[in-house]
Amino acid sequence: MTYDRRELGIGAGIWVSAIILVFATFLALWNIYDHYKHMYYPQAQKILMVILTAPILIGWPSWVIVLVGEDVGILEVVTDIVKSVMIILFVEYTLRLIGWRIDSTGSHYDYEKVESSFTQLENGTHLCPCFGKIPLKTPEDVKIFIWRVRFAGIQYGIVFFFAAIAATLLLTVDGDNYHYGELDPQYGYFWINMIKIVVSAIAMYHLLLYLTNVHKIHELKHMNVNPKFMAVKIAFIGTQIQPTFIGFLADWGAIADTDEYDVDQITSYTTYLLLSIEMIIFAFVQGLIFPPREYKYKYSKKSVDSEKEPLVSADNQ
């Protein structure tokens, strides 16, 4: 699967997206440096610094696939695994915020505080009321609930990894049996994509389930969680739906002439080109919704409320 990179539209798209991705990279690195410079709560901010690398770890592999002009199995695996890891890390990040304890020696993560915060809810709610309540009355209930959410993110990465292996084998043995972007049941792409959609739906449901219940916890009141949760939802749902939506448009001939390029060529090029360009928006939004100052505000407030001597910030070290 190749295309002529000398064509004006294709060539310009590749290199314009590269320039945009360079800016996205610098923006992501600045966000990371900003937290490194203002380290008020290392247990959470170190996890966040890894999350902030997402525009780089997703954007550049996507751009290389566009540049090469054909499926690069290992790079597709990288982008999927990165999304899986980011889901797991975001769960761990929010747990660190819930378990944030401040005393005279500084900031600490206390898992018992996490259990206490969840058990105060007594019962969690499903997205669909017909599923009933989620028991959160005991530490064991909390442990099971958190384990379910973690496992949803892990299985997402594992299944996507094996789906990429299956797709690579099909392409290697007989590319005519795969056809990237074709939504015809006679091709391997259709079935592999259906499996990925189901697994994505499971992971998405558990992520939204977790965010819905975590949102009720008082400890997150001053951490501006609404835009954080919304950004994670949009990023995850968008990156999963986007390839399928583009595949439909490509199949209808709405993106490019299907007489000149195959549907799989159009779908792959458009999907990964958009993904690499979108990283500038992602990096910018991350800088807005994860500012270091909110850690400073909460630390200062806690210190005043408990009449403790404030921890010396990284600014003054």
C-alpha atoms as a PDB file:
ATOM      1  CA  MET A   1       0.000   0.000   0.000  1.00  0.00           C
ATOM      2  CA  THR A   2       1.814   3.074  -1.269  1.00  0.00           C
ATOM      3  CA  TYR A   3       0.923   6.442  -2.730  1.00  0.00           C
ATOM      4  CA  ASP A   4       2.747   9.109  -4.692  1.00  0.00           C
ATOM      5  CA  ARG A   5       4.309  11.471  -2.141  1.00  0.00           C
ATOM      6  CA  ARG A   6       5.260  13.858  -4.963  1.00  0.00           C
ATOM      7  CA  GLU A   7       1.634  14.887  -5.417  1.00  0.00           C
ATOM      8  CA  LEU A   8       1.042  18.411  -4.094  1.00  0.00           C
ATOM      9  CA  GLY A   9      -1.725  17.507  -1.646  1.00  0.00           C
ATOM     10  CA  ILE A  10      -0.051  14.402  -0.249  1.00  0.00           C
ATOM     11  CA  GLY A  11       3.441  15.877  -0.035  1.00  0.00           C
ATOM     12  CA  ALA A  12       2.232  19.126   1.517  1.00  0.00           C
ATOM     13  CA  GLY A  13       0.063  17.261   4.003  1.00  0.00           C
ATOM     14  CA  ILE A  14       2.972  15.123   5.177  1.00  0.00           C
ATOM     15  CA  TRP A  15       5.389  17.986   5.776  1.00  0.00           C
ATOM     16  CA  VAL A  16       2.865  20.473   7.142  1.00  0.00           C
ATOM     17  CA  SER A  17       1.803  17.831   9.659  1.00  0.00           C
ATOM     18  CA  ALA A  18       5.479  17.311  10.554  1.00  0.00           C
ATOM     19  CA  ILE A  19       5.892  21.019  11.320  1.00  0.00           C
ATOM     20  CA  ILE A  20       2.723  21.010  13.432  1.00  0.00           C
ATOM     21  CA  LEU A  21       3.947  17.917  15.244  1.00  0.00           C
ATOM     22  CA  VAL A  22       7.263  19.618  16.050  1.00  0.00           C
ATOM     23  CA  PHE A  23       5.344  22.446  17.744  1.00  0.00           C
ATOM     24  CA  ALA A  24       3.190  19.865  19.558  1.00  0.00           C
ATOM     25  CA  THR A  25       6.361  18.140  20.773  1.00  0.00           C
ATOM     26  CA  PHE A  26       7.857  21.361  22.141  1.00  0.00           C
ATOM     27  CA  LEU A  27       4.543  22.207  23.812  1.00  0.00           C
ATOM     28  CA  ALA A  28       4.339  18.761  25.426  1.00  0.00           C
ATOM     29  CA  LEU A  29       7.941  19.007  26.635  1.00  0.00           C
ATOM     30  CA  TRP A  30       7.235  22.455  28.096  1.00  0.00           C
ATOM     31  CA  ASN A  31       4.217  21.060  29.988  1.00  0.00           C
ATOM     32  CA  ILE A  32       6.434  18.313  31.401  1.00  0.00           C
ATOM     33  CA  TYR A  33       9.172  20.778  32.360  1.00  0.00           C
ATOM     34  CA  ASP A  34       6.622  23.049  34.029  1.00  0.00           C
ATOM     35  CA  HIS A  35       5.612  20.239  36.373  1.00  0.00           C
ATOM     36  CA  TYR A  36       9.212  19.222  36.949  1.00  0.00           C
ATOM     37  CA  LYS A  37      10.002  22.801  37.967  1.00  0.00           C
ATOM     38  CA  HIS A  38       6.956  23.065  40.257  1.00  0.00           C
ATOM     39  CA  MET A  39       6.918  19.694  42.000  1.00  0.00           C
ATOM     40  CA  TYR A  40       4.411  20.038  44.851  1.00  0.00           C
ATOM     41  CA  TYR A  41       3.172  16.437  44.887  1.00  0.00           C
ATOM     42  CA  PRO A  42       5.712  14.078  43.249  1.00  0.00           C
ATOM     43  CA  GLN A  43       3.627  10.891  43.615  1.00  0.00           C
ATOM     44  CA  ALA A  44       0.944  12.317  41.307  1.00  0.00           C
ATOM     45  CA  GLN A  45       2.936  14.745  39.163  1.00  0.00           C
ATOM     46  CA  LYS A  46       5.502  12.133  38.109  1.00  0.00           C
ATOM     47  CA  ILE A  47       2.681   9.985  36.748  1.00  0.00           C
ATOM     48  CA  LEU A  48       1.203  13.056  35.085  1.00  0.00           C
ATOM     49  CA  MET A  49       4.537  13.857  33.429  1.00  0.00           C
ATOM     50  CA  VAL A  50       4.362  10.470  31.682  1.00  0.00           C
ATOM     51  CA  ILE A  51       0.763  11.159  30.613  1.00  0.00           C
ATOM     52  CA  LEU A  52       1.914  14.470  29.133  1.00  0.00           C
ATOM     53  CA  THR A  53       4.206  12.582  26.722  1.00  0.00           C
ATOM     54  CA  ALA A  54       1.128  11.192  24.897  1.00  0.00           C
ATOM     55  CA  PRO A  55       1.214  13.754  22.028  1.00  0.00           C
ATOM     56  CA  ILE A  56       4.806  12.701  21.302  1.00  0.00           C
ATOM     57  CA  LEU A  57       4.331   8.948  21.700  1.00  0.00           C
ATOM     58  CA  ILE A  58       1.162   8.879  19.601  1.00  0.00           C
ATOM     59  CA  GLY A  59       1.919  11.681  17.138  1.00  0.00           C
ATOM     60  CA  TRP A  60       5.333  10.644  15.774  1.00  0.00           C
ATOM     61  CA  PRO A  61       4.553   6.943  15.118  1.00  0.00           C
ATOM     62  CA  SER A  62       1.393   8.086  13.313  1.00  0.00           C
ATOM     63  CA  TRP A  63       3.409  10.520  11.201  1.00  0.00           C
ATOM     64  CA  VAL A  64       5.983   7.862  10.275  1.00  0.00           C
ATOM     65  CA  ILE A  65       3.176   5.608   9.028  1.00  0.00           C
ATOM     66  CA  VAL A  66       1.986   8.502   6.821  1.00  0.00           C
ATOM     67  CA  LEU A  67       5.528   9.165   5.608  1.00  0.00           C
ATOM     68  CA  VAL A  68       6.275   5.526   4.738  1.00  0.00           C
ATOM     69  CA  GLY A  69       2.962   5.212   2.959  1.00  0.00           C
ATOM     70  CA  GLU A  70       2.116   1.726   4.123  1.00  0.00           C
ATOM     71  CA  ASP A  71       1.078  -0.191   7.198  1.00  0.00           C
ATOM     72  CA  VAL A  72       3.913  -0.383   9.720  1.00  0.00           C
ATOM     73  CA  GLY A  73       2.646  -2.984  12.159  1.00  0.00           C
ATOM     74  CA  ILE A  74       4.984  -2.183  15.024  1.00  0.00           C
ATOM     75  CA  LEU A  75       4.082   1.517  14.913  1.00  0.00           C
ATOM     76  CA  GLU A  76       0.358   0.782  14.976  1.00  0.00           C
ATOM     77  CA  VAL A  77       0.990  -1.414  18.016  1.00  0.00           C
ATOM     78  CA  VAL A  78       2.894   1.457  19.645  1.00  0.00           C
ATOM     79  CA  THR A  79       0.015   3.919  19.264  1.00  0.00           C
ATOM     80  CA  ASP A  80      -2.521   1.422  20.620  1.00  0.00           C
ATOM     81  CA  ILE A  81      -0.323   0.348  23.534  1.00  0.00           C
ATOM     82  CA  VAL A  82       0.334   4.006  24.406  1.00  0.00           C
ATOM     83  CA  LYS A  83      -3.409   4.678  24.612  1.00  0.00           C
ATOM     84  CA  SER A  84      -3.833   1.637  26.860  1.00  0.00           C
ATOM     85  CA  VAL A  85      -1.004   2.755  29.144  1.00  0.00           C
ATOM     86  CA  MET A  86      -2.422   6.291  29.324  1.00  0.00           C
ATOM     87  CA  ILE A  87      -5.788   4.950  30.501  1.00  0.00           C
ATOM     88  CA  ILE A  88      -4.118   2.953  33.266  1.00  0.00           C
ATOM     89  CA  LEU A  89      -1.895   5.865  34.256  1.00  0.00           C
ATOM     90  CA  PHE A  90      -4.830   8.278  34.400  1.00  0.00           C
ATOM     91  CA  VAL A  91      -6.606   5.921  36.796  1.00  0.00           C
ATOM     92  CA  GLU A  92      -3.460   5.753  38.941  1.00  0.00           C
ATOM     93  CA  TYR A  93      -3.114   9.536  38.741  1.00  0.00           C
ATOM     94  CA  THR A  94      -6.625  10.161  40.054  1.00  0.00           C
ATOM     95  CA  LEU A  95      -6.063   7.621  42.838  1.00  0.00           C
ATOM     96  CA  ARG A  96      -2.975   9.586  43.883  1.00  0.00           C
ATOM     97  CA  LEU A  97      -5.070  12.746  44.039  1.00  0.00           C
ATOM     98  CA  ILE A  98      -7.712  11.062  46.172  1.00  0.00           C
ATOM     99  CA  GLY A  99      -5.061   9.647  48.519  1.00  0.00           C
ATOM    100  CA  TRP A 100      -3.097  12.901  48.829  1.00  0.00           C
ATOM    101  CA  ARG A 101      -2.174  13.485  52.450  1.00  0.00           C
ATOM    102  CA  ILE A 102      -0.238  16.523  53.635  1.00  0.00           C
ATOM    103  CA  ASP A 103       1.574  16.810  56.932  1.00  0.00           C
ATOM    104  CA  SER A 104       4.584  18.592  58.400  1.00  0.00           C
ATOM    105  CA  THR A 105       6.970  16.392  56.380  1.00  0.00           C
ATOM    106  CA  GLY A 106       5.341  17.109  53.037  1.00  0.00           C
ATOM    107  CA  SER A 107       2.997  15.397  50.570  1.00  0.00           C
ATOM    108  CA  HIS A 108       2.335  11.659  50.731  1.00  0.00           C
ATOM    109  CA  TYR A 109       0.152   9.065  49.026  1.00  0.00           C
ATOM    110  CA  ASP A 110      -2.061   7.175  51.476  1.00  0.00           C
ATOM    111  CA  TYR A 111      -4.012   4.242  49.993  1.00  0.00           C
ATOM    112  CA  GLU A 112      -6.089   3.941  53.158  1.00  0.00           C
ATOM    113  CA  LYS A 113      -7.416   7.407  52.406  1.00  0.00           C
ATOM    114  CA  VAL A 114      -8.450   6.154  48.952  1.00  0.00           C
ATOM    115  CA  GLU A 115     -10.371   3.280  50.510  1.00  0.00           C
ATOM    116  CA  SER A 116     -11.980   5.619  53.032  1.00  0.00           C
ATOM    117  CA  SER A 117     -13.042   8.071  50.311  1.00  0.00           C
ATOM    118  CA  PHE A 118     -14.697   5.339  48.230  1.00  0.00           C
ATOM    119  CA  THR A 119     -16.404   3.646  51.163  1.00  0.00           C
ATOM    120  CA  GLN A 120     -18.002   6.952  52.097  1.00  0.00           C
ATOM    121  CA  LEU A 121     -19.921   6.661  48.823  1.00  0.00           C
ATOM    122  CA  GLU A 122     -21.255   3.278  50.066  1.00  0.00           C
ATOM    123  CA  ASN A 123     -22.571   2.428  46.601  1.00  0.00           C
ATOM    124  CA  GLY A 124     -21.328   3.354  43.168  1.00  0.00           C
ATOM    125  CA  THR A 125     -23.604   3.898  40.189  1.00  0.00           C
ATOM    126  CA  HIS A 126     -23.514   2.197  36.801  1.00  0.00           C
ATOM    127  CA  LEU A 127     -23.916   4.263  33.651  1.00  0.00           C
ATOM    128  CA  CYS A 128     -27.079   2.260  33.034  1.00  0.00           C
ATOM    129  CA  PRO A 129     -29.344   2.082  36.139  1.00  0.00           C
ATOM    130  CA  CYS A 130     -30.563  -1.356  35.032  1.00  0.00           C
ATOM    131  CA  PHE A 131     -27.216  -2.826  36.172  1.00  0.00           C
ATOM    132  CA  GLY A 132     -27.966  -1.847  39.739  1.00  0.00           C
ATOM    133  CA  LYS A 133     -25.470  -0.499  42.270  1.00  0.00           C
ATOM    134  CA  ILE A 134     -21.743  -1.091  42.693  1.00  0.00           C
ATOM    135  CA  PRO A 135     -20.954  -2.088  46.295  1.00  0.00           C
ATOM    136  CA  LEU A 136     -18.287   0.157  47.840  1.00  0.00           C
ATOM    137  CA  LYS A 137     -19.035  -0.388  51.519  1.00  0.00           C
ATOM    138  CA  THR A 138     -15.814  -2.169  52.462  1.00  0.00           C
ATOM    139  CA  PRO A 139     -12.109  -1.854  51.523  1.00  0.00           C
ATOM    140  CA  GLU A 140     -12.462  -5.193  49.723  1.00  0.00           C
ATOM    141  CA  ASP A 141     -15.311  -3.787  47.584  1.00  0.00           C
ATOM    142  CA  VAL A 142     -13.131  -0.796  46.690  1.00  0.00           C
ATOM    143  CA  LYS A 143     -10.211  -3.055  45.795  1.00  0.00           C
ATOM    144  CA  ILE A 144     -12.398  -5.135  43.471  1.00  0.00           C
ATOM    145  CA  PHE A 145     -13.844  -2.041  41.778  1.00  0.00           C
ATOM    146  CA  ILE A 146     -10.415  -0.514  41.152  1.00  0.00           C
ATOM    147  CA  TRP A 147      -9.092  -3.863  39.931  1.00  0.00           C
ATOM    148  CA  ARG A 148     -11.936  -4.102  37.378  1.00  0.00           C
ATOM    149  CA  VAL A 149     -11.109  -0.664  35.996  1.00  0.00           C
ATOM    150  CA  ARG A 150      -7.385  -1.443  35.822  1.00  0.00           C
ATOM    151  CA  PHE A 151      -8.043  -4.768  34.097  1.00  0.00           C
ATOM    152  CA  ALA A 152     -10.230  -3.064  31.471  1.00  0.00           C
ATOM    153  CA  GLY A 153      -7.275  -0.879  30.493  1.00  0.00           C
ATOM    154  CA  ILE A 154      -4.849  -3.818  30.521  1.00  0.00           C
ATOM    155  CA  GLN A 155      -7.046  -6.070  28.371  1.00  0.00           C
ATOM    156  CA  TYR A 156      -7.444  -3.185  25.907  1.00  0.00           C
ATOM    157  CA  GLY A 157      -3.677  -3.101  25.350  1.00  0.00           C
ATOM    158  CA  ILE A 158      -3.288  -6.904  25.228  1.00  0.00           C
ATOM    159  CA  VAL A 159      -6.109  -7.454  22.734  1.00  0.00           C
ATOM    160  CA  PHE A 160      -4.929  -4.602  20.515  1.00  0.00           C
ATOM    161  CA  PHE A 161      -1.423  -6.076  20.575  1.00  0.00           C
ATOM    162  CA  PHE A 162      -2.633  -9.480  19.364  1.00  0.00           C
ATOM    163  CA  ALA A 163      -4.988  -7.810  16.860  1.00  0.00           C
ATOM    164  CA  ALA A 164      -1.951  -6.057  15.352  1.00  0.00           C
ATOM    165  CA  ILE A 165      -0.104  -9.378  15.147  1.00  0.00           C
ATOM    166  CA  ALA A 166      -3.097 -10.972  13.389  1.00  0.00           C
ATOM    167  CA  ALA A 167      -3.293  -8.066  10.931  1.00  0.00           C
ATOM    168  CA  THR A 168       0.452  -8.281  10.237  1.00  0.00           C
ATOM    169  CA  LEU A 169       0.201 -12.026   9.581  1.00  0.00           C
ATOM    170  CA  LEU A 170      -2.702 -11.501   7.190  1.00  0.00           C
ATOM    171  CA  LEU A 171      -0.803  -8.796   5.322  1.00  0.00           C
ATOM    172  CA  THR A 172       2.312 -10.961   5.148  1.00  0.00           C
ATOM    173  CA  VAL A 173       0.597 -14.159   4.022  1.00  0.00           C
ATOM    174  CA  ASP A 174      -1.951 -12.625   1.675  1.00  0.00           C
ATOM    175  CA  GLY A 175      -2.722  -8.895   1.704  1.00  0.00           C
ATOM    176  CA  ASP A 176      -5.887  -9.507  -0.332  1.00  0.00           C
ATOM    177  CA  ASN A 177      -7.472 -11.072   2.733  1.00  0.00           C
ATOM    178  CA  TYR A 178      -6.977  -7.972   4.926  1.00  0.00           C
ATOM    179  CA  HIS A 179      -7.803  -4.691   3.086  1.00  0.00           C
ATOM    180  CA  TYR A 180      -7.309  -1.905   5.638  1.00  0.00           C
ATOM    181  CA  GLY A 181     -10.416   0.269   5.930  1.00  0.00           C
ATOM    182  CA  GLU A 182     -12.714  -2.098   4.012  1.00  0.00           C
ATOM    183  CA  LEU A 183     -15.922  -2.695   5.980  1.00  0.00           C
ATOM    184  CA  ASP A 184     -16.802  -5.862   4.098  1.00  0.00           C
ATOM    185  CA  PRO A 185     -17.150  -9.061   6.212  1.00  0.00           C
ATOM    186  CA  GLN A 186     -15.202 -11.046   3.633  1.00  0.00           C
ATOM    187  CA  TYR A 187     -11.990  -9.223   4.599  1.00  0.00           C
ATOM    188  CA  GLY A 188      -9.911  -9.690   7.725  1.00  0.00           C
ATOM    189  CA  TYR A 189      -9.901  -5.972   8.567  1.00  0.00           C
ATOM    190  CA  PHE A 190     -13.648  -6.041   9.237  1.00  0.00           C
ATOM    191  CA  TRP A 191     -13.423  -8.802  11.863  1.00  0.00           C
ATOM    192  CA  ILE A 192     -10.266  -7.498  13.505  1.00  0.00           C
ATOM    193  CA  ASN A 193     -11.807  -4.033  13.650  1.00  0.00           C
ATOM    194  CA  MET A 194     -15.025  -5.422  15.177  1.00  0.00           C
ATOM    195  CA  ILE A 195     -12.996  -7.121  17.931  1.00  0.00           C
ATOM    196  CA  LYS A 196     -11.138  -3.864  18.579  1.00  0.00           C
ATOM    197  CA  ILE A 197     -14.420  -1.939  18.729  1.00  0.00           C
ATOM    198  CA  VAL A 198     -15.888  -4.368  21.292  1.00  0.00           C
ATOM    199  CA  VAL A 199     -12.729  -4.264  23.423  1.00  0.00           C
ATOM    200  CA  SER A 200     -12.619  -0.473  23.125  1.00  0.00           C
ATOM    201  CA  ALA A 201     -16.268  -0.294  24.229  1.00  0.00           C
ATOM    202  CA  ILE A 202     -15.485  -2.400  27.322  1.00  0.00           C
ATOM    203  CA  ALA A 203     -12.487  -0.226  28.204  1.00  0.00           C
ATOM    204  CA  MET A 204     -14.457   2.950  27.507  1.00  0.00           C
ATOM    205  CA  TYR A 205     -17.377   1.806  29.660  1.00  0.00           C
ATOM    206  CA  HIS A 206     -15.139   1.043  32.631  1.00  0.00           C
ATOM    207  CA  LEU A 207     -13.263   4.316  32.210  1.00  0.00           C
ATOM    208  CA  LEU A 208     -16.505   6.312  32.151  1.00  0.00           C
ATOM    209  CA  LEU A 209     -17.828   4.217  35.042  1.00  0.00           C
ATOM    210  CA  TYR A 210     -14.725   5.024  37.055  1.00  0.00           C
ATOM    211  CA  LEU A 211     -14.822   8.734  36.212  1.00  0.00           C
ATOM    212  CA  THR A 212     -18.537   8.968  37.051  1.00  0.00           C
ATOM    213  CA  ASN A 213     -17.984   7.608  40.552  1.00  0.00           C
ATOM    214  CA  VAL A 214     -14.642   9.271  41.244  1.00  0.00           C
ATOM    215  CA  HIS A 215     -16.242  12.603  40.372  1.00  0.00           C
ATOM    216  CA  LYS A 216     -18.339  12.342  43.552  1.00  0.00           C
ATOM    217  CA  ILE A 217     -15.339  12.171  45.866  1.00  0.00           C
ATOM    218  CA  HIS A 218     -14.792  15.310  47.909  1.00  0.00           C
ATOM    219  CA  GLU A 219     -10.975  15.177  47.771  1.00  0.00           C
ATOM    220  CA  LEU A 220     -11.037  16.117  44.088  1.00  0.00           C
ATOM    221  CA  LYS A 221     -13.147  19.233  44.656  1.00  0.00           C
ATOM    222  CA  HIS A 222     -10.277  21.705  44.215  1.00  0.00           C
ATOM    223  CA  MET A 223      -8.467  19.804  41.431  1.00  0.00           C
ATOM    224  CA  ASN A 224     -10.709  21.023  38.593  1.00  0.00           C
ATOM    225  CA  VAL A 225     -11.588  17.467  37.589  1.00  0.00           C
ATOM    226  CA  ASN A 226     -14.456  18.198  35.171  1.00  0.00           C
ATOM    227  CA  PRO A 227     -12.298  19.376  32.226  1.00  0.00           C
ATOM    228  CA  LYS A 228      -9.752  16.621  32.957  1.00  0.00           C
ATOM    229  CA  PHE A 229     -12.374  13.909  32.776  1.00  0.00           C
ATOM    230  CA  MET A 230     -14.009  15.462  29.717  1.00  0.00           C
ATOM    231  CA  ALA A 231     -10.681  15.682  27.854  1.00  0.00           C
ATOM    232  CA  VAL A 232      -9.897  12.029  28.602  1.00  0.00           C
ATOM    233  CA  LYS A 233     -13.346  10.958  27.412  1.00  0.00           C
ATOM    234  CA  ILE A 234     -13.118  12.919  24.160  1.00  0.00           C
ATOM    235  CA  ALA A 235      -9.548  11.821  23.435  1.00  0.00           C
ATOM    236  CA  PHE A 236     -10.277   8.150  24.035  1.00  0.00           C
ATOM    237  CA  ILE A 237     -13.655   8.007  22.301  1.00  0.00           C
ATOM    238  CA  GLY A 238     -12.480  10.185  19.408  1.00  0.00           C
ATOM    239  CA  THR A 239      -9.378   8.157  18.568  1.00  0.00           C
ATOM    240  CA  GLN A 240     -11.441   4.957  18.580  1.00  0.00           C
ATOM    241  CA  ILE A 241     -14.342   6.205  16.455  1.00  0.00           C
ATOM    242  CA  GLN A 242     -12.296   8.305  14.038  1.00  0.00           C
ATOM    243  CA  PRO A 243     -10.763   5.453  11.951  1.00  0.00           C
ATOM    244  CA  THR A 244     -14.148   3.762  11.485  1.00  0.00           C
ATOM    245  CA  PHE A 245     -15.807   7.055  10.507  1.00  0.00           C
ATOM    246  CA  ILE A 246     -13.005   7.824   8.032  1.00  0.00           C
ATOM    247  CA  GLY A 247     -13.354   4.287   6.631  1.00  0.00           C
ATOM    248  CA  PHE A 248     -17.027   4.928   5.886  1.00  0.00           C
ATOM    249  CA  LEU A 249     -16.233   8.232   4.161  1.00  0.00           C
ATOM    250  CA  ALA A 250     -13.418   6.652   2.165  1.00  0.00           C
ATOM    251  CA  ASP A 251     -15.678   3.796   1.081  1.00  0.00           C
ATOM    252  CA  TRP A 252     -18.245   6.319  -0.152  1.00  0.00           C
ATOM    253  CA  GLY A 253     -15.576   8.210  -2.090  1.00  0.00           C
ATOM    254  CA  ALA A 254     -16.100  11.366  -0.028  1.00  0.00           C
ATOM    255  CA  ILE A 255     -12.373  11.862   0.739  1.00  0.00           C
ATOM    256  CA  ALA A 256     -10.549  10.964  -2.460  1.00  0.00           C
ATOM    257  CA  ASP A 257     -11.077   9.269  -5.809  1.00  0.00           C
ATOM    258  CA  THR A 258     -11.342   5.526  -5.164  1.00  0.00           C
ATOM    259  CA  ASP A 259     -10.417   4.873  -8.798  1.00  0.00           C
ATOM    260  CA  GLU A 260      -6.949   6.311  -8.158  1.00  0.00           C
ATOM    261  CA  TYR A 261      -6.403   5.009  -4.603  1.00  0.00           C
ATOM    262  CA  ASP A 262      -7.739   2.024  -2.694  1.00  0.00           C
ATOM    263  CA  VAL A 263     -10.039   2.546   0.262  1.00  0.00           C
ATOM    264  CA  ASP A 264      -7.359   1.156   2.584  1.00  0.00           C
ATOM    265  CA  GLN A 265      -4.829   3.696   1.278  1.00  0.00           C
ATOM    266  CA  ILE A 266      -7.246   6.602   1.762  1.00  0.00           C
ATOM    267  CA  THR A 267      -8.306   5.431   5.232  1.00  0.00           C
ATOM    268  CA  SER A 268      -4.780   4.836   6.495  1.00  0.00           C
ATOM    269  CA  TYR A 269      -3.369   8.100   5.136  1.00  0.00           C
ATOM    270  CA  THR A 270      -6.253  10.251   6.388  1.00  0.00           C
ATOM    271  CA  THR A 271      -6.490   8.558   9.810  1.00  0.00           C
ATOM    272  CA  TYR A 272      -2.818   8.869  10.715  1.00  0.00           C
ATOM    273  CA  LEU A 273      -2.415  12.300   9.146  1.00  0.00           C
ATOM    274  CA  LEU A 274      -5.289  13.651  11.252  1.00  0.00           C
ATOM    275  CA  LEU A 275      -3.964  11.886  14.342  1.00  0.00           C
ATOM    276  CA  SER A 276      -0.544  13.485  14.005  1.00  0.00           C
ATOM    277  CA  ILE A 277      -2.055  16.957  13.414  1.00  0.00           C
ATOM    278  CA  GLU A 278      -4.481  16.627  16.333  1.00  0.00           C
ATOM    279  CA  MET A 279      -1.570  16.245  18.749  1.00  0.00           C
ATOM    280  CA  ILE A 280      -1.014  20.034  18.750  1.00  0.00           C
ATOM    281  CA  ILE A 281      -4.563  20.455  20.102  1.00  0.00           C
ATOM    282  CA  PHE A 282      -4.033  17.630  22.577  1.00  0.00           C
ATOM    283  CA  ALA A 283      -0.783  19.133  23.906  1.00  0.00           C
ATOM    284  CA  PHE A 284      -2.358  22.585  24.201  1.00  0.00           C
ATOM    285  CA  VAL A 285      -5.389  21.240  26.087  1.00  0.00           C
ATOM    286  CA  GLN A 286      -3.140  19.235  28.418  1.00  0.00           C
ATOM    287  CA  GLY A 287      -1.310  22.429  29.339  1.00  0.00           C
ATOM    288  CA  LEU A 288      -4.624  24.104  30.203  1.00  0.00           C
ATOM    289  CA  ILE A 289      -6.229  21.346  32.245  1.00  0.00           C
ATOM    290  CA  PHE A 290      -3.122  20.111  34.101  1.00  0.00           C
ATOM    291  CA  PRO A 291      -1.515  23.320  35.417  1.00  0.00           C
ATOM    292  CA  PRO A 292       1.005  22.989  38.303  1.00  0.00           C
ATOM    293  CA  ARG A 293      -0.635  25.912  40.121  1.00  0.00           C
ATOM    294  CA  GLU A 294      -3.591  23.789  41.236  1.00  0.00           C
ATOM    295  CA  TYR A 295      -1.229  21.600  43.245  1.00  0.00           C
ATOM    296  CA  LYS A 296       0.231  24.729  44.829  1.00  0.00           C
ATOM    297  CA  TYR A 297      -3.258  26.007  45.647  1.00  0.00           C
ATOM    298  CA  LYS A 298      -4.400  22.769  47.273  1.00  0.00           C
ATOM    299  CA  TYR A 299      -1.142  22.383  49.189  1.00  0.00           C
ATOM    300  CA  SER A 300      -1.314  25.948  50.475  1.00  0.00           C
ATOM    301  CA  LYS A 301      -4.973  25.535  51.472  1.00  0.00           C
ATOM    302  CA  LYS A 302      -4.298  22.273  53.284  1.00  0.00           C
ATOM    303  CA  SER A 303      -1.318  23.772  55.038  1.00  0.00           C
ATOM    304  CA  VAL A 304      -3.353  26.743  56.275  1.00  0.00           C
ATOM    305  CA  ASP A 305      -6.306  24.590  57.334  1.00  0.00           C
ATOM    306  CA  SER A 306      -4.100  22.223  59.343  1.00  0.00           C
ATOM    307  CA  GLU A 307      -1.851  25.029  60.595  1.00  0.00           C
ATOM    308  CA  LYS A 308       1.210  23.167  59.379  1.00  0.00           C
ATOM    309  CA  GLU A 309       4.449  24.675  58.238  1.00  0.00           C
ATOM    310  CA  PRO A 310       4.295  24.705  54.420  1.00  0.00           C
ATOM    311  CA  LEU A 311       6.541  22.492  52.348  1.00  0.00           C
ATOM    312  CA  VAL A 312       9.298  24.381  50.516  1.00  0.00           C
ATOM    313  CA  SER A 313       8.320  24.357  46.867  1.00  0.00           C
ATOM    314  CA  ALA A 314      10.612  23.504  43.998  1.00  0.00           C
ATOM    315  CA  ASP A 315      10.724  27.220  43.145  1.00  0.00           C
ATOM    316  CA  ASN A 316      12.664  27.965  46.310  1.00  0.00           C
ATOM    317  CA  GLN A 317      14.904  24.934  46.428  1.00  0.00           C
END
